[in-house]
Amino acid sequence: MADTRDEPVMDQHDATDGDKLDGIIQQVRADVGHKGERRIAEVLRQRLAQAGVAYDDALVADAVARVRG
């Protein structure tokens, strides 16, 4: 049967790390964008790790600037 799915829909449409980062930045902006840079960076690191996105200090610093900007 051609119309059956063998895996969850989300697995069929894997987002790129860039797409994941953009989504995480939007979520963090909504959740803690009004907090200080340290708290924003902490939440970003947690969310990036949960999403399986590799990051370093430079990426987090850029993401913090995007959250605040």
Protein backbone atom coordinates (compact mmCIF):
# COMPACT_ATOMS: atom_id res chain seq x y z
CA MET A 1 0.00 0.00 0.00
CA ALA A 2 1.64 3.23 -1.18
CA ASP A 3 0.02 5.60 1.31
CA THR A 4 1.37 4.02 4.49
CA ARG A 5 4.01 5.61 6.73
CA ASP A 6 6.81 3.59 8.19
CA GLU A 7 8.19 6.33 10.43
CA PRO A 8 6.89 9.38 12.29
CA VAL A 9 6.26 12.46 10.18
CA MET A 10 8.92 14.46 12.04
CA ASP A 11 11.55 11.88 11.09
CA GLN A 12 10.67 12.29 7.43
CA HIS A 13 11.41 16.02 7.47
CA ASP A 14 14.61 16.49 9.42
CA ALA A 15 15.37 20.14 10.08
CA THR A 16 18.89 21.37 9.51
CA ASP A 17 20.92 22.58 12.47
CA GLY A 18 20.43 26.12 11.16
CA ASP A 19 16.66 25.65 11.13
CA LYS A 20 16.78 24.21 14.64
CA LEU A 21 18.91 27.14 15.83
CA ASP A 22 16.47 29.65 14.35
CA GLY A 23 13.57 27.95 16.12
CA ILE A 24 15.44 27.76 19.40
CA ILE A 25 16.30 31.46 19.20
CA GLN A 26 12.62 32.30 18.69
CA GLN A 27 11.60 30.12 21.64
CA VAL A 28 14.29 31.52 23.92
CA ARG A 29 13.38 35.09 22.94
CA ALA A 30 9.77 34.41 23.92
CA ASP A 31 10.66 32.55 27.13
CA VAL A 32 13.58 34.50 28.61
CA GLY A 33 14.44 37.27 26.15
CA HIS A 34 13.84 39.86 28.84
CA LYS A 35 16.42 38.25 31.17
CA GLY A 36 20.13 38.98 31.31
CA GLU A 37 22.68 37.61 28.87
CA ARG A 38 23.91 34.97 31.30
CA ARG A 39 20.43 33.44 31.72
CA ILE A 40 19.75 33.61 27.97
CA ALA A 41 23.05 31.81 27.26
CA GLU A 42 22.24 29.16 29.86
CA VAL A 43 18.83 28.44 28.32
CA LEU A 44 20.30 28.44 24.81
CA ARG A 45 22.90 25.86 25.81
CA GLN A 46 20.20 23.65 27.34
CA ARG A 47 17.94 23.86 24.31
CA LEU A 48 20.77 23.32 21.83
CA ALA A 49 21.91 20.23 23.72
CA GLN A 50 18.35 18.89 23.87
CA ALA A 51 17.99 19.39 20.12
CA GLY A 52 21.32 17.70 19.42
CA VAL A 53 22.84 20.82 17.87
CA ALA A 54 26.61 21.14 18.29
CA TYR A 55 27.65 24.52 19.66
CA ASP A 56 30.60 26.47 20.96
CA ASP A 57 30.98 29.74 22.85
CA ALA A 58 31.01 31.79 19.64
CA LEU A 59 27.72 30.30 18.42
CA VAL A 60 26.10 30.88 21.81
CA ALA A 61 27.34 34.49 21.91
CA ASP A 62 25.92 35.11 18.42
CA ALA A 63 22.64 33.47 19.41
CA VAL A 64 22.41 35.59 22.57
CA ALA A 65 22.84 38.71 20.41
CA ARG A 66 20.08 37.47 18.10
CA VAL A 67 17.75 36.79 21.04
CA ARG A 68 18.33 40.29 22.41
CA GLY A 69 18.27 42.01 19.03
